[in-house]
Amino acid sequence: MQPVLNIEDVKCVEVALTREGVSVSELMHRAGCAAAQEVLELGDVDNVVVLAGLGNNGGDGWVAAEALHAHGANVTVVTPVDPDELAGDLARQVAQSAVRAGIQPMVGPSRDELENLLAAADVVLDCMLGTGFHGDVRSPFDIWIECVNACQARVVSVDVPSGLSAQTGRASAECVVADMTVTMLALKPGLLADDGRDVCGAIVVAPLAEQTERLVIDADPVAWRTDLIDYLDVVAPSSMAVDKYARGSVLVVGGSRRYPGAAIMAARAAARMGAGYVTLAVPASQAFVAQTHLLETPVVPLPEDEDGTISADARDVVVKLAERSSAVLVGPGMRVTSGTSSIVSALLETDVPLVIDADGLNCLARITDDSLPEFPEVTRRPSPLILTPHRAELGRLVGAADNPPDSLVAQLEAARKVVWSDGGSELVVVAKGTATGCVSVERAVLPKPGPAALATAGSGDVLAGMMVSALAQRKGEERDLALLAAYVCEIHGYAGSLAAERVGAHAVVATDVIDVIGLAQDAVEEHVMYPASGE
C-alpha cells in the first residue's frame, strides 16, 4: 500500500528529514532531479519549457532545468521576475546556478511570446504553484496556465498541478491539466479525488531520501492507497468442494412501492458476486414485480404500510430470515419511516454480518437523531457491520446534513467520527465519493476509484449487493474488513470500466454493471494472484 499524507504532515516529514541530515537544499535538488528524470524518460525531448514560480516549487523547476540542460535538452525557464530578484534565498541560489550553467531565462513574457515558446516545446514542466496553494490563481500564473492548457506539448507538473489544492482536490478556475504529476515524498489526498482525478494524469511518487518511507509512516498517514497485490489475503480460495450454501446465503431487505428496483438490483448484484443463495424480502405489493426480474431468487412478501413501505409488523419475519442467512443487506429503496427504522434497529440487534446502505443509513440517522457518533452502542456488535454512505448520507449520520463532506479528507474525517466512537474492529464505513475511503478504527484504505460511468442511479445499490455477497462468502473467517470492503470497491470500479467499454462511457446504467461483475471479479483476482500476467 502507498501512504497518503495531509499537507501539514508532509511538512513534518520534511522537517524530520532535515533533522536526519538531509538539508532543505538537498531536498530541492533531489526533487528537481527527480522531475527532470521523469521528463527524460518520456523520450523525444529536445525542447523543454519550465514555468517557475516564486517559491520552492519554482526552485525545483530551476534545478530540473539545469539537470535537463546538462543532458543536452534545449531548456527555457519562464519566470515572473529576474532570478536575482527572487525573494527566497534557496530559490534564488538555484536559479542563479542555472543561469551560470547557460540557461537563459524569459522574464515576464507577454502572452504572445509565451504562446510562441510553448508551440515549439516538446515538454512543459509546471513548477508555478506548489502544495501550499489554495484559493484563486493570481496574475501572471492564470494567463500562463491558460497558455499551457492550450498548447500541444506534454505537461509534467511538479508536486501538484498548479491551481489544484493538494489537500482538498478542489481546482481553481485556472488549473494546469497535466499528463503526469511527479509528487514528492508521498501521495497527497487532493491528487486522488474530485478535480485531482481530472488534472493530475499519471502520478509518480519521488521519495527523495532513504529515510522517507519510515518517516512517512511515523507521520500517521491519513489513508493508504491500495495496490492489487494488497488484496491477496482477502481473495477467497477456490475450491470444487462446495454447494450453494457453502458459497454463502444472502438476505436483501428493501424496496418500496416508489423504489422497487433498488432492492432487485442489489439482489442480482449479490448473486453475480458469487453468493450461492440470495433471498429478497420486499413489501408485499412489490413481490410480484421482484419475482418477474429474479427468476433464481426467492422473494418473500413482507407486511407493508399504506404508502407501500415495509411496516413494523415485518420485524419478526425479517429477523428470522436474517438468522438463517450468512449476511444481510438492508436499505436499498426502502424509504425512511417508523416501520423501516424499526427493521433497521432489529437487524442491528442480531449477530449476523450486516451491510446498511441507502435509506437504511437514513433510518440509522433517524434512530440516532442525526448524531450517530453520540450513540456508539447502536453500532457496537460482535459481527461485522459495513455502512456504505455517499457524502450526503455521511453528513446526515454525523449531524452535518447542511454541510456534508465536500472532499476526500472531509469524508475520512466524518467516517472516523463514527468508527472511533464505536471503537470496535467489526465496523467499517465505506465513505463513497469521487474517491472512496474504507475506514476502520485502525486505518483508512483507498481502492482505485472507478470511472465516471459509475455516477448513475443504482450504482450504489449494486455495490451494496456485492458487499454483502463478499461478507456472506467469508462468514466466520478472520479478515481485514476494511481491506475486504476496498477489494469489493475495486471490483465494482473495474466492472464500471467493462460496462463503459461495452455500451459507451455515457450510456452505462446500473444493470450494465451487474452483468459484468463476474468478469470484473475474475480479472481482478487474476491480477491479484498472478501480478506478472497483468503487467
Protein backbone atom coordinates (compact mmCIF):
# COMPACT_ATOMS: atom_id res chain seq x y z
CA MET A 1 0.00 0.00 0.00
CA GLN A 2 1.04 3.58 -0.61
CA PRO A 3 0.72 6.05 2.28
CA VAL A 4 -1.25 9.26 1.75
CA LEU A 5 -0.28 12.29 3.84
CA ASN A 6 -2.07 15.51 4.62
CA ILE A 7 -0.11 18.58 3.56
CA GLU A 8 0.75 19.56 7.13
CA ASP A 9 2.12 16.07 7.72
CA VAL A 10 4.28 16.33 4.59
CA LYS A 11 5.83 19.45 6.09
CA CYS A 12 6.54 17.48 9.27
CA VAL A 13 8.32 14.82 7.23
CA GLU A 14 10.44 17.48 5.57
CA VAL A 15 11.43 18.81 8.98
CA ALA A 16 12.20 15.27 10.17
CA LEU A 17 14.42 14.69 7.15
CA THR A 18 16.44 17.82 7.91
CA ARG A 19 16.95 16.55 11.46
CA GLU A 20 18.35 13.35 9.99
CA GLY A 21 20.85 15.23 7.88
CA VAL A 22 19.01 15.81 4.61
CA SER A 23 19.00 19.59 4.20
CA VAL A 24 16.27 21.63 2.57
CA SER A 25 18.74 22.46 -0.19
CA GLU A 26 19.41 18.77 -0.78
CA LEU A 27 15.68 18.02 -0.87
CA MET A 28 15.19 20.71 -3.51
CA HIS A 29 17.99 19.35 -5.64
CA ARG A 30 16.66 15.81 -5.36
CA ALA A 31 13.14 16.96 -6.20
CA GLY A 32 14.29 18.87 -9.26
CA CYS A 33 16.42 15.98 -10.48
CA ALA A 34 13.54 13.54 -9.93
CA ALA A 35 11.30 15.71 -12.09
CA ALA A 36 13.99 16.03 -14.75
CA GLN A 37 14.44 12.26 -14.84
CA GLU A 38 10.73 11.72 -15.45
CA VAL A 39 10.84 14.23 -18.30
CA LEU A 40 13.80 12.46 -19.89
CA GLU A 41 12.07 9.10 -19.64
CA LEU A 42 9.22 10.41 -21.77
CA GLY A 43 11.58 10.23 -24.74
CA ASP A 44 11.94 12.55 -27.77
CA VAL A 45 12.64 15.53 -25.53
CA ASP A 46 14.55 18.27 -27.29
CA ASN A 47 12.82 21.48 -26.25
CA VAL A 48 11.64 21.94 -22.66
CA VAL A 49 9.90 24.95 -21.18
CA VAL A 50 10.00 25.26 -17.40
CA LEU A 51 7.40 27.56 -15.84
CA ALA A 52 8.91 28.56 -12.49
CA GLY A 53 7.03 30.21 -9.67
CA LEU A 54 8.33 32.41 -6.90
CA GLY A 55 8.73 29.83 -4.13
CA ASN A 56 10.30 26.44 -3.52
CA ASN A 57 8.21 24.81 -6.26
CA GLY A 58 9.84 27.25 -8.65
CA GLY A 59 13.20 26.33 -7.14
CA ASP A 60 12.54 22.69 -8.02
CA GLY A 61 11.96 23.88 -11.58
CA TRP A 62 15.28 25.72 -11.78
CA VAL A 63 17.10 22.62 -10.54
CA ALA A 64 15.26 20.47 -13.09
CA ALA A 65 16.14 22.95 -15.83
CA GLU A 66 19.83 22.75 -15.05
CA ALA A 67 19.70 18.94 -14.96
CA LEU A 68 17.88 18.77 -18.30
CA HIS A 69 20.34 21.25 -19.81
CA ALA A 70 23.19 19.00 -18.66
CA HIS A 71 21.56 16.13 -20.57
CA GLY A 72 21.52 18.12 -23.79
CA ALA A 73 17.97 19.45 -23.81
CA ASN A 74 17.23 22.94 -25.01
CA VAL A 75 15.68 24.48 -21.89
CA THR A 76 13.98 27.81 -21.36
CA VAL A 77 12.83 28.87 -17.89
CA VAL A 78 9.91 31.29 -17.79
CA THR A 79 9.92 33.35 -14.59
CA PRO A 80 7.85 36.32 -13.34
CA VAL A 81 10.95 38.13 -12.06
CA ASP A 82 14.65 38.18 -12.74
CA PRO A 83 16.43 35.30 -10.92
CA ASP A 84 18.36 37.80 -8.83
CA GLU A 85 15.08 39.25 -7.55
CA LEU A 86 13.59 36.05 -6.17
CA ALA A 87 12.79 36.59 -2.51
CA GLY A 88 13.62 33.14 -1.21
CA ASP A 89 17.32 32.59 -0.62
CA LEU A 90 17.31 28.96 -1.75
CA ALA A 91 15.17 29.53 -4.84
CA ARG A 92 17.38 32.49 -5.80
CA GLN A 93 20.57 30.44 -5.38
CA VAL A 94 19.42 27.55 -7.58
CA ALA A 95 18.10 29.98 -10.19
CA GLN A 96 21.43 31.79 -10.30
CA SER A 97 23.20 28.44 -10.59
CA ALA A 98 21.06 27.52 -13.59
CA VAL A 99 21.80 30.84 -15.27
CA ARG A 100 25.54 30.32 -14.73
CA ALA A 101 25.17 26.87 -16.33
CA GLY A 102 23.98 28.56 -19.52
CA ILE A 103 20.18 28.73 -19.21
CA GLN A 104 18.69 31.98 -20.50
CA PRO A 105 15.51 32.88 -18.60
CA MET A 106 12.47 34.51 -20.16
CA VAL A 107 11.31 37.11 -17.66
CA GLY A 108 7.68 38.22 -17.61
CA PRO A 109 6.82 37.35 -21.22
CA SER A 110 3.76 38.67 -22.99
CA ARG A 111 1.00 36.22 -23.82
CA ASP A 112 2.05 36.07 -27.48
CA GLU A 113 5.68 35.43 -26.54
CA LEU A 114 4.70 32.62 -24.19
CA GLU A 115 2.35 31.03 -26.72
CA ASN A 116 5.08 31.05 -29.37
CA LEU A 117 7.56 29.50 -26.93
CA LEU A 118 5.15 26.76 -25.89
CA ALA A 119 4.27 26.00 -29.52
CA ALA A 120 7.84 24.77 -30.07
CA ALA A 121 8.09 22.78 -26.81
CA ASP A 122 8.11 19.01 -26.53
CA VAL A 123 7.52 19.11 -22.77
CA VAL A 124 6.31 21.78 -20.36
CA LEU A 125 7.44 21.43 -16.75
CA ASP A 126 4.90 23.08 -14.45
CA CYS A 127 6.58 24.46 -11.32
CA MET A 128 4.44 27.51 -10.74
CA LEU A 129 2.41 26.79 -7.60
CA GLY A 130 3.14 24.12 -5.01
CA THR A 131 1.30 22.19 -2.33
CA GLY A 132 0.68 25.32 -0.28
CA PHE A 133 -1.66 26.72 -2.93
CA HIS A 134 -5.30 27.39 -2.13
CA GLY A 135 -7.88 29.91 -3.32
CA ASP A 136 -7.59 31.61 -6.71
CA VAL A 137 -4.66 31.79 -9.10
CA ARG A 138 -3.24 35.29 -9.44
CA SER A 139 -1.51 37.01 -12.35
CA PRO A 140 0.63 36.15 -14.23
CA PHE A 141 0.09 32.47 -13.45
CA ASP A 142 -3.56 32.48 -14.51
CA ILE A 143 -2.50 33.54 -18.02
CA TRP A 144 0.37 31.07 -18.04
CA ILE A 145 -1.97 28.22 -17.11
CA GLU A 146 -4.35 29.14 -19.93
CA CYS A 147 -1.44 29.04 -22.36
CA VAL A 148 -0.19 25.69 -21.07
CA ASN A 149 -3.59 24.05 -21.38
CA ALA A 150 -3.93 25.34 -24.93
CA CYS A 151 -0.55 24.06 -26.14
CA GLN A 152 0.17 20.64 -27.68
CA ALA A 153 3.22 19.78 -25.56
CA ARG A 154 3.24 17.08 -22.91
CA VAL A 155 2.83 18.60 -19.46
CA VAL A 156 4.57 17.39 -16.30
CA SER A 157 3.60 19.03 -13.02
CA VAL A 158 5.95 19.04 -10.05
CA ASP A 159 4.32 18.02 -6.76
CA VAL A 160 0.82 19.19 -7.81
CA PRO A 161 -0.73 20.71 -10.94
CA SER A 162 -0.70 24.46 -10.45
CA GLY A 163 -4.14 25.64 -9.43
CA LEU A 164 -5.13 22.45 -7.61
CA SER A 165 -5.32 22.17 -3.83
CA ALA A 166 -3.23 19.16 -2.93
CA GLN A 167 -5.22 18.86 0.31
CA THR A 168 -8.84 19.14 -0.83
CA GLY A 169 -8.68 18.21 -4.51
CA ARG A 170 -10.51 21.40 -5.50
CA ALA A 171 -9.20 23.30 -8.51
CA SER A 172 -9.40 27.00 -9.15
CA ALA A 173 -10.90 28.35 -12.36
CA GLU A 174 -7.39 28.19 -13.85
CA CYS A 175 -5.64 24.88 -13.25
CA VAL A 176 -3.00 23.00 -15.20
CA VAL A 177 -4.19 19.78 -16.79
CA ALA A 178 -1.09 17.59 -16.61
CA ASP A 179 -0.16 14.38 -18.37
CA MET A 180 1.95 13.44 -15.36
CA THR A 181 2.39 14.68 -11.81
CA VAL A 182 5.67 13.97 -10.02
CA THR A 183 4.79 14.40 -6.36
CA MET A 184 7.40 14.48 -3.62
CA LEU A 185 7.73 12.24 -0.55
CA ALA A 186 4.18 10.81 -0.54
CA LEU A 187 0.76 10.94 -2.15
CA LYS A 188 -1.50 13.80 -1.10
CA PRO A 189 -5.28 13.39 -0.79
CA GLY A 190 -6.15 16.13 -3.25
CA LEU A 191 -4.35 14.31 -6.04
CA LEU A 192 -6.65 11.30 -5.71
CA ALA A 193 -10.16 12.76 -5.64
CA ASP A 194 -12.51 15.33 -7.14
CA ASP A 195 -10.76 17.71 -9.57
CA GLY A 196 -7.46 15.97 -8.88
CA ARG A 197 -8.66 12.95 -10.85
CA ASP A 198 -9.11 15.14 -13.94
CA VAL A 199 -5.91 17.16 -13.85
CA CYS A 200 -3.08 15.04 -12.40
CA GLY A 201 -2.62 12.47 -15.15
CA ALA A 202 -0.28 9.64 -14.17
CA ILE A 203 1.07 10.12 -10.65
CA VAL A 204 4.67 9.30 -9.77
CA VAL A 205 5.89 9.48 -6.17
CA ALA A 206 9.51 10.57 -5.68
CA PRO A 207 10.64 9.59 -2.14
CA LEU A 208 13.82 11.76 -2.28
CA ALA A 209 15.57 10.00 0.64
CA GLU A 210 16.03 6.50 2.00
CA GLN A 211 14.57 7.63 5.34
CA THR A 212 11.34 8.83 3.72
CA GLU A 213 9.31 5.63 3.96
CA ARG A 214 9.95 5.29 7.70
CA LEU A 215 9.26 8.95 8.41
CA VAL A 216 6.08 8.97 6.34
CA ILE A 217 4.73 6.01 8.27
CA ASP A 218 5.71 7.68 11.54
CA ALA A 219 3.69 10.72 10.42
CA ASP A 220 0.50 8.60 10.65
CA PRO A 221 -0.87 8.63 7.07
CA VAL A 222 -4.42 9.87 6.66
CA ALA A 223 -5.06 6.89 4.38
CA TRP A 224 -3.43 4.07 2.43
CA ARG A 225 -3.81 3.68 -1.34
CA THR A 226 -4.03 0.03 -2.31
CA ASP A 227 -2.16 -1.91 -4.95
CA LEU A 228 -3.78 -5.05 -6.34
CA ILE A 229 -1.27 -7.31 -4.59
CA ASP A 230 -2.56 -5.98 -1.25
CA TYR A 231 -5.79 -7.92 -1.73
CA LEU A 232 -4.09 -11.31 -1.68
CA ASP A 233 -5.25 -12.05 1.88
CA VAL A 234 -8.92 -11.31 1.16
CA VAL A 235 -9.34 -13.22 -2.10
CA ALA A 236 -11.49 -16.26 -1.36
CA PRO A 237 -9.60 -19.51 -2.03
CA SER A 238 -11.05 -21.53 -4.90
CA SER A 239 -12.46 -24.98 -4.19
CA MET A 240 -14.55 -27.53 -6.07
CA ALA A 241 -15.91 -28.98 -2.81
CA VAL A 242 -18.77 -26.51 -2.38
CA ASP A 243 -22.52 -26.29 -2.63
CA LYS A 244 -24.77 -23.25 -2.86
CA TYR A 245 -24.96 -22.86 0.91
CA ALA A 246 -21.20 -23.13 1.33
CA ARG A 247 -20.89 -20.15 -1.03
CA GLY A 248 -22.90 -18.04 1.39
CA SER A 249 -26.55 -17.16 1.75
CA VAL A 250 -27.60 -13.51 1.46
CA LEU A 251 -30.75 -11.75 2.60
CA VAL A 252 -31.60 -8.40 0.98
CA VAL A 253 -34.26 -6.33 2.74
CA GLY A 254 -35.57 -3.24 0.99
CA GLY A 255 -37.74 -1.88 -1.75
CA SER A 256 -40.95 0.12 -1.68
CA ARG A 257 -43.79 0.99 -4.00
CA ARG A 258 -41.92 4.11 -5.08
CA TYR A 259 -38.50 2.47 -5.48
CA PRO A 260 -39.00 -1.20 -6.41
CA GLY A 261 -35.83 -1.53 -8.50
CA ALA A 262 -33.12 -0.75 -5.94
CA ALA A 263 -33.54 -3.94 -3.90
CA ILE A 264 -33.90 -6.02 -7.06
CA MET A 265 -30.59 -4.72 -8.41
CA ALA A 266 -28.88 -5.31 -5.06
CA ALA A 267 -30.09 -8.92 -5.00
CA ARG A 268 -28.93 -9.51 -8.57
CA ALA A 269 -25.53 -8.00 -7.77
CA ALA A 270 -25.18 -10.22 -4.69
CA ALA A 271 -25.76 -13.29 -6.85
CA ARG A 272 -23.38 -12.09 -9.58
CA MET A 273 -20.70 -11.52 -6.95
CA GLY A 274 -20.81 -15.22 -6.11
CA ALA A 275 -23.24 -15.78 -3.24
CA GLY A 276 -24.76 -19.24 -3.60
CA TYR A 277 -28.22 -18.37 -2.32
CA VAL A 278 -29.91 -14.98 -2.30
CA THR A 279 -33.29 -14.14 -0.78
CA LEU A 280 -35.09 -10.85 -1.31
CA ALA A 281 -37.62 -9.52 1.20
CA VAL A 282 -39.80 -6.66 -0.07
CA PRO A 283 -43.21 -5.09 0.66
CA ALA A 284 -45.97 -7.49 -0.35
CA SER A 285 -47.24 -5.28 -3.17
CA GLN A 286 -43.81 -5.39 -4.80
CA ALA A 287 -43.19 -9.13 -4.55
CA PHE A 288 -44.63 -9.94 -7.99
CA VAL A 289 -42.55 -7.22 -9.65
CA ALA A 290 -39.43 -8.62 -7.99
CA GLN A 291 -40.28 -12.20 -8.98
CA THR A 292 -40.53 -11.26 -12.64
CA HIS A 293 -36.97 -9.89 -12.55
CA LEU A 294 -35.38 -12.53 -10.31
CA LEU A 295 -36.07 -16.00 -11.62
CA GLU A 296 -33.35 -17.58 -9.46
CA THR A 297 -34.13 -15.69 -6.24
CA PRO A 298 -36.80 -16.48 -3.64
CA VAL A 299 -38.88 -13.38 -2.92
CA VAL A 300 -40.54 -13.00 0.49
CA PRO A 301 -43.54 -10.61 0.70
CA LEU A 302 -43.48 -8.52 3.87
CA PRO A 303 -46.28 -6.68 5.69
CA GLU A 304 -46.48 -3.12 4.43
CA ASP A 305 -47.95 0.23 5.37
CA GLU A 306 -50.42 2.13 3.22
CA ASP A 307 -47.66 4.02 1.45
CA GLY A 308 -46.09 0.78 0.19
CA THR A 309 -43.18 0.64 2.61
CA ILE A 310 -42.21 -2.21 4.93
CA SER A 311 -44.15 -1.97 8.16
CA ALA A 312 -43.01 -2.62 11.71
CA ASP A 313 -45.10 -5.81 11.63
CA ALA A 314 -42.42 -7.32 9.40
CA ARG A 315 -39.83 -7.16 12.17
CA ASP A 316 -40.11 -10.77 13.40
CA VAL A 317 -40.21 -12.20 9.87
CA VAL A 318 -37.09 -10.26 8.86
CA VAL A 319 -35.18 -11.31 11.99
CA LYS A 320 -35.99 -14.98 11.39
CA LEU A 321 -34.85 -14.73 7.78
CA ALA A 322 -31.67 -12.97 8.91
CA GLU A 323 -30.83 -15.65 11.43
CA ARG A 324 -30.82 -18.22 8.62
CA SER A 325 -28.52 -16.11 6.44
CA SER A 326 -24.77 -15.71 6.22
CA ALA A 327 -25.09 -11.94 5.79
CA VAL A 328 -27.82 -9.33 5.39
CA LEU A 329 -28.18 -6.12 3.40
CA VAL A 330 -30.82 -3.62 4.43
CA GLY A 331 -31.77 -0.30 2.91
CA PRO A 332 -31.93 -0.11 -0.91
CA GLY A 333 -35.14 1.64 -1.93
CA MET A 334 -36.90 1.11 1.40
CA ARG A 335 -37.59 4.80 2.26
CA VAL A 336 -37.50 6.25 5.78
CA THR A 337 -40.49 5.59 8.01
CA SER A 338 -41.09 4.41 11.55
CA GLY A 339 -41.61 0.92 10.15
CA THR A 340 -38.39 0.77 8.14
CA SER A 341 -36.45 2.31 11.03
CA SER A 342 -37.80 -0.49 13.23
CA ILE A 343 -36.48 -3.07 10.75
CA VAL A 344 -33.01 -1.50 10.76
CA SER A 345 -32.97 -1.48 14.57
CA ALA A 346 -33.98 -5.12 14.70
CA LEU A 347 -31.22 -6.19 12.31
CA LEU A 348 -28.62 -4.25 14.26
CA GLU A 349 -29.59 -6.30 17.30
CA THR A 350 -28.85 -9.60 15.53
CA ASP A 351 -25.40 -11.16 15.39
CA VAL A 352 -25.47 -11.65 11.61
CA PRO A 353 -22.95 -9.79 9.43
CA LEU A 354 -24.78 -6.71 8.17
CA VAL A 355 -24.46 -4.11 5.41
CA ILE A 356 -26.54 -0.93 5.74
CA ASP A 357 -26.98 1.16 2.60
CA ALA A 358 -29.11 3.96 1.18
CA ASP A 359 -32.32 4.52 3.14
CA GLY A 360 -31.10 2.06 5.74
CA LEU A 361 -28.46 4.68 6.54
CA ASN A 362 -31.07 7.41 6.62
CA CYS A 363 -33.09 5.27 9.03
CA LEU A 364 -29.95 4.92 11.14
CA ALA A 365 -29.58 8.71 11.14
CA ARG A 366 -33.21 9.00 12.26
CA ILE A 367 -32.72 6.44 15.02
CA THR A 368 -29.74 8.39 16.37
CA ASP A 369 -31.18 11.87 15.82
CA ASP A 370 -28.58 12.60 13.10
CA SER A 371 -25.77 12.08 15.60
CA LEU A 372 -24.54 8.52 15.19
CA PRO A 373 -21.16 9.18 16.88
CA GLU A 374 -23.04 10.04 20.07
CA PHE A 375 -24.77 6.65 20.11
CA PRO A 376 -21.94 4.12 19.68
CA GLU A 377 -23.98 1.41 21.38
CA VAL A 378 -26.23 1.30 18.30
CA THR A 379 -23.47 0.03 16.02
CA ARG A 380 -21.36 -1.86 18.55
CA ARG A 381 -21.97 -5.54 17.83
CA PRO A 382 -19.98 -8.82 17.71
CA SER A 383 -20.46 -9.38 13.96
CA PRO A 384 -19.23 -7.30 11.03
CA LEU A 385 -21.12 -4.13 10.17
CA ILE A 386 -20.43 -2.20 6.98
CA LEU A 387 -22.02 1.19 6.36
CA THR A 388 -21.89 2.46 2.76
CA PRO A 389 -22.84 6.17 2.75
CA HIS A 390 -22.26 8.66 -0.02
CA ARG A 391 -21.29 12.16 1.07
CA ALA A 392 -24.82 13.40 1.75
CA GLU A 393 -25.74 10.29 3.75
CA LEU A 394 -22.50 10.51 5.68
CA GLY A 395 -23.26 14.13 6.51
CA ARG A 396 -26.64 13.15 7.92
CA LEU A 397 -25.07 10.43 10.07
CA VAL A 398 -22.68 12.85 11.75
CA GLY A 399 -25.01 15.83 12.16
CA ALA A 400 -23.78 17.73 9.11
CA ALA A 401 -26.73 17.37 6.76
CA ASP A 402 -26.48 21.03 5.75
CA ASN A 403 -22.72 20.89 5.33
CA PRO A 404 -21.81 17.38 4.17
CA PRO A 405 -18.22 16.36 3.41
CA ASP A 406 -17.02 18.03 0.22
CA SER A 407 -13.60 16.41 -0.18
CA LEU A 408 -11.85 13.10 0.40
CA VAL A 409 -10.25 14.44 3.57
CA ALA A 410 -13.64 15.55 4.89
CA GLN A 411 -15.12 12.13 4.04
CA LEU A 412 -12.41 10.37 6.01
CA GLU A 413 -12.78 12.74 8.94
CA ALA A 414 -16.54 12.18 9.14
CA ALA A 415 -16.17 8.41 8.81
CA ARG A 416 -13.60 8.37 11.60
CA LYS A 417 -16.04 10.12 13.91
CA VAL A 418 -18.30 7.09 13.51
CA VAL A 419 -15.73 4.31 13.80
CA TRP A 420 -13.75 5.92 16.60
CA SER A 421 -16.84 6.47 18.69
CA ASP A 422 -17.70 2.80 18.22
CA GLY A 423 -14.13 1.72 18.92
CA GLY A 424 -14.62 -1.86 17.72
CA SER A 425 -12.87 -3.75 14.97
CA GLU A 426 -16.10 -5.03 13.38
CA LEU A 427 -17.26 -1.69 11.94
CA VAL A 428 -16.23 -0.23 8.60
CA VAL A 429 -17.57 2.89 6.94
CA VAL A 430 -17.29 2.85 3.16
CA ALA A 431 -17.34 6.60 2.52
CA LYS A 432 -18.27 6.93 -1.16
CA GLY A 433 -17.31 9.82 -3.40
CA THR A 434 -15.14 10.58 -6.42
CA ALA A 435 -12.65 8.54 -4.40
CA THR A 436 -13.88 6.09 -1.79
CA GLY A 437 -12.35 5.50 1.63
CA CYS A 438 -12.95 2.27 3.53
CA VAL A 439 -12.44 3.37 7.12
CA SER A 440 -11.96 1.15 10.16
CA VAL A 441 -10.77 2.01 13.62
CA GLU A 442 -7.24 1.08 12.56
CA ARG A 443 -6.85 2.72 9.15
CA ALA A 444 -8.47 4.10 6.01
CA VAL A 445 -7.95 2.17 2.79
CA LEU A 446 -8.38 3.80 -0.63
CA PRO A 447 -9.17 1.43 -3.50
CA LYS A 448 -8.56 2.54 -7.05
CA PRO A 449 -11.62 4.65 -7.94
CA GLY A 450 -13.94 3.59 -10.72
CA PRO A 451 -14.81 5.56 -13.85
CA ALA A 452 -17.28 8.42 -14.09
CA ALA A 453 -19.64 5.93 -15.76
CA LEU A 454 -20.49 4.70 -12.26
CA ALA A 455 -22.10 8.04 -11.44
CA THR A 456 -25.52 6.70 -12.32
CA ALA A 457 -28.68 5.80 -10.41
CA GLY A 458 -28.49 2.35 -8.84
CA SER A 459 -24.71 2.07 -8.87
CA GLY A 460 -24.63 2.25 -5.06
CA ASP A 461 -27.28 -0.47 -4.80
CA VAL A 462 -25.09 -2.69 -6.94
CA LEU A 463 -22.06 -2.04 -4.74
CA ALA A 464 -24.09 -2.81 -1.61
CA GLY A 465 -25.22 -6.14 -3.09
CA MET A 466 -21.63 -7.01 -3.96
CA MET A 467 -20.51 -6.03 -0.47
CA VAL A 468 -23.00 -8.27 1.36
CA SER A 469 -22.16 -11.12 -1.01
CA ALA A 470 -18.47 -10.89 -0.14
CA LEU A 471 -19.34 -10.84 3.56
CA ALA A 472 -21.56 -13.90 3.23
CA GLN A 473 -18.90 -15.89 1.40
CA ARG A 474 -16.38 -15.18 4.14
CA LYS A 475 -18.57 -15.61 7.23
CA GLY A 476 -16.57 -16.91 10.17
CA GLU A 477 -13.21 -16.11 8.57
CA GLU A 478 -10.70 -13.71 10.07
CA ARG A 479 -10.42 -10.92 7.51
CA ASP A 480 -9.26 -7.33 7.38
CA LEU A 481 -12.74 -5.87 6.99
CA ALA A 482 -11.61 -2.53 5.56
CA LEU A 483 -9.41 -4.28 3.02
CA LEU A 484 -12.23 -6.65 2.06
CA ALA A 485 -14.53 -3.66 1.52
CA ALA A 486 -11.87 -1.98 -0.62
CA TYR A 487 -11.50 -5.16 -2.65
CA VAL A 488 -15.22 -5.14 -3.43
CA CYS A 489 -14.98 -1.46 -4.41
CA GLU A 490 -12.09 -2.33 -6.72
CA ILE A 491 -14.17 -4.97 -8.50
CA HIS A 492 -17.11 -2.56 -8.70
CA GLY A 493 -14.86 0.05 -10.30
CA TYR A 494 -13.47 -2.40 -12.84
CA ALA A 495 -17.00 -3.59 -13.65
CA GLY A 496 -17.86 0.03 -14.38
CA SER A 497 -14.95 0.21 -16.81
CA LEU A 498 -16.01 -3.00 -18.56
CA ALA A 499 -19.58 -1.76 -18.82
CA ALA A 500 -18.35 1.51 -20.34
CA GLU A 501 -16.36 -0.43 -22.93
CA ARG A 502 -19.47 -2.38 -23.87
CA VAL A 503 -22.07 0.37 -24.12
CA GLY A 504 -20.13 3.64 -24.04
CA ALA A 505 -18.97 5.81 -21.17
CA HIS A 506 -22.10 7.97 -21.15
CA ALA A 507 -24.61 5.15 -21.61
CA VAL A 508 -23.87 2.93 -18.60
CA VAL A 509 -26.79 2.11 -16.30
CA ALA A 510 -26.59 0.04 -13.14
CA THR A 511 -27.81 -3.17 -14.74
CA ASP A 512 -24.91 -2.96 -17.23
CA VAL A 513 -22.54 -3.05 -14.26
CA ILE A 514 -24.31 -6.08 -12.76
CA ASP A 515 -23.90 -8.03 -16.00
CA VAL A 516 -20.09 -7.81 -15.90
CA ILE A 517 -19.44 -8.27 -12.17
CA GLY A 518 -18.24 -11.83 -12.74
CA LEU A 519 -15.84 -10.83 -15.50
CA ALA A 520 -14.51 -7.98 -13.38
CA GLN A 521 -14.01 -10.23 -10.37
CA ASP A 522 -12.15 -12.82 -12.44
CA ALA A 523 -9.87 -10.16 -13.92
CA VAL A 524 -9.08 -8.52 -10.58
CA GLU A 525 -8.45 -11.86 -8.90
CA GLU A 526 -6.14 -12.91 -11.73
CA HIS A 527 -4.10 -9.73 -11.29
CA VAL A 528 -4.01 -10.27 -7.52
CA MET A 529 -2.95 -13.91 -7.72
CA TYR A 530 -0.65 -13.60 -10.74
CA PRO A 531 0.51 -9.98 -10.89
CA ALA A 532 3.10 -10.61 -13.59
CA SER A 533 0.39 -11.71 -16.01
CA GLY A 534 -1.32 -8.35 -15.64
CA GLU A 535 1.73 -6.28 -16.42
